[in-house]
Amino acid sequence: MRKLKETILSYSELEAIRLKDLEGLEQIKAAKKMGISQPTFNRLLRLARKKISTAIINGQAIRVEGGNYKIIKR
């Protein structure tokens, strides 16, 4: 199997995608959940969507890494 080129997605970018696209939250509510401003949330969301779409179109793997995060079990 050939090694795929990777696109790196930060945990913050992944969380922005999860809150907006999976959970369906409005940006202001999602930003509050993440403890960031709405403009920062919007920037993370745009970056994440661009990285994900680029990876899909170009057949790249997506690696999630980096950033500061805390896992909360529900």
Protein backbone atom coordinates (compact mmCIF):
# COMPACT_ATOMS: atom_id res chain seq x y z
CA MET A 1 0.00 0.00 0.00
CA ARG A 2 1.36 3.40 -0.89
CA LYS A 3 1.84 6.02 1.77
CA LEU A 4 -0.75 8.80 1.49
CA LYS A 5 0.13 12.44 1.82
CA GLU A 6 -1.40 13.80 5.03
CA THR A 7 -3.38 16.89 5.85
CA ILE A 8 -3.00 17.94 9.49
CA LEU A 9 -6.14 19.03 11.34
CA SER A 10 -5.80 20.48 14.85
CA TYR A 11 -8.01 19.29 17.67
CA SER A 12 -9.50 22.81 17.81
CA GLU A 13 -10.40 22.65 14.13
CA LEU A 14 -11.92 19.19 14.61
CA GLU A 15 -13.97 20.45 17.57
CA ALA A 16 -15.25 23.40 15.53
CA ILE A 17 -16.40 20.98 12.80
CA ARG A 18 -18.01 18.70 15.39
CA LEU A 19 -19.94 21.48 17.11
CA LYS A 20 -21.12 23.25 13.97
CA ASP A 21 -21.60 20.48 11.42
CA LEU A 22 -22.33 17.44 13.58
CA GLU A 23 -24.10 19.00 16.57
CA GLY A 24 -25.68 21.80 14.50
CA LEU A 25 -24.87 24.58 16.96
CA GLU A 26 -24.89 28.22 15.94
CA GLN A 27 -21.44 29.76 15.81
CA ILE A 28 -21.94 31.94 18.89
CA LYS A 29 -23.04 28.98 21.04
CA ALA A 30 -20.28 26.76 19.67
CA ALA A 31 -17.67 29.45 20.34
CA LYS A 32 -18.90 29.77 23.94
CA LYS A 33 -18.61 25.99 24.40
CA MET A 34 -15.02 26.18 23.19
CA GLY A 35 -14.25 29.27 25.29
CA ILE A 36 -13.26 31.37 22.27
CA SER A 37 -14.66 34.35 20.41
CA GLN A 38 -17.06 33.91 17.49
CA PRO A 39 -14.54 35.37 14.99
CA THR A 40 -11.91 32.87 16.19
CA PHE A 41 -14.45 30.05 15.92
CA ASN A 42 -15.30 31.16 12.38
CA ARG A 43 -11.60 31.17 11.44
CA LEU A 44 -11.12 27.64 12.84
CA LEU A 45 -14.21 26.40 11.01
CA ARG A 46 -13.10 27.88 7.67
CA LEU A 47 -9.59 26.42 8.03
CA ALA A 48 -10.94 23.00 8.99
CA ARG A 49 -13.40 22.87 6.11
CA LYS A 50 -10.71 23.90 3.63
CA LYS A 51 -8.28 21.27 4.93
CA ILE A 52 -10.93 18.53 4.90
CA SER A 53 -12.17 19.37 1.41
CA THR A 54 -8.60 19.55 0.08
CA ALA A 55 -7.82 16.14 1.60
CA ILE A 56 -10.95 14.57 0.12
CA ILE A 57 -10.43 16.03 -3.36
CA ASN A 58 -6.73 15.10 -3.42
CA GLY A 59 -7.09 11.65 -1.83
CA GLN A 60 -5.07 12.57 1.26
CA ALA A 61 -5.20 11.11 4.74
CA ILE A 62 -6.36 13.39 7.57
CA ARG A 63 -4.29 13.37 10.76
CA VAL A 64 -5.64 15.09 13.88
CA GLU A 65 -3.00 16.39 16.25
CA GLY A 66 -1.70 19.30 18.27
CA GLY A 67 -3.28 22.09 20.22
CA ASN A 68 -4.51 22.33 23.78
CA TYR A 69 -7.56 20.31 24.64
CA LYS A 70 -9.42 18.64 27.47
CA ILE A 71 -11.54 15.52 26.99
CA ILE A 72 -14.80 15.58 28.95
CA LYS A 73 -16.61 12.27 29.26
CA ARG A 74 -20.38 12.47 29.08
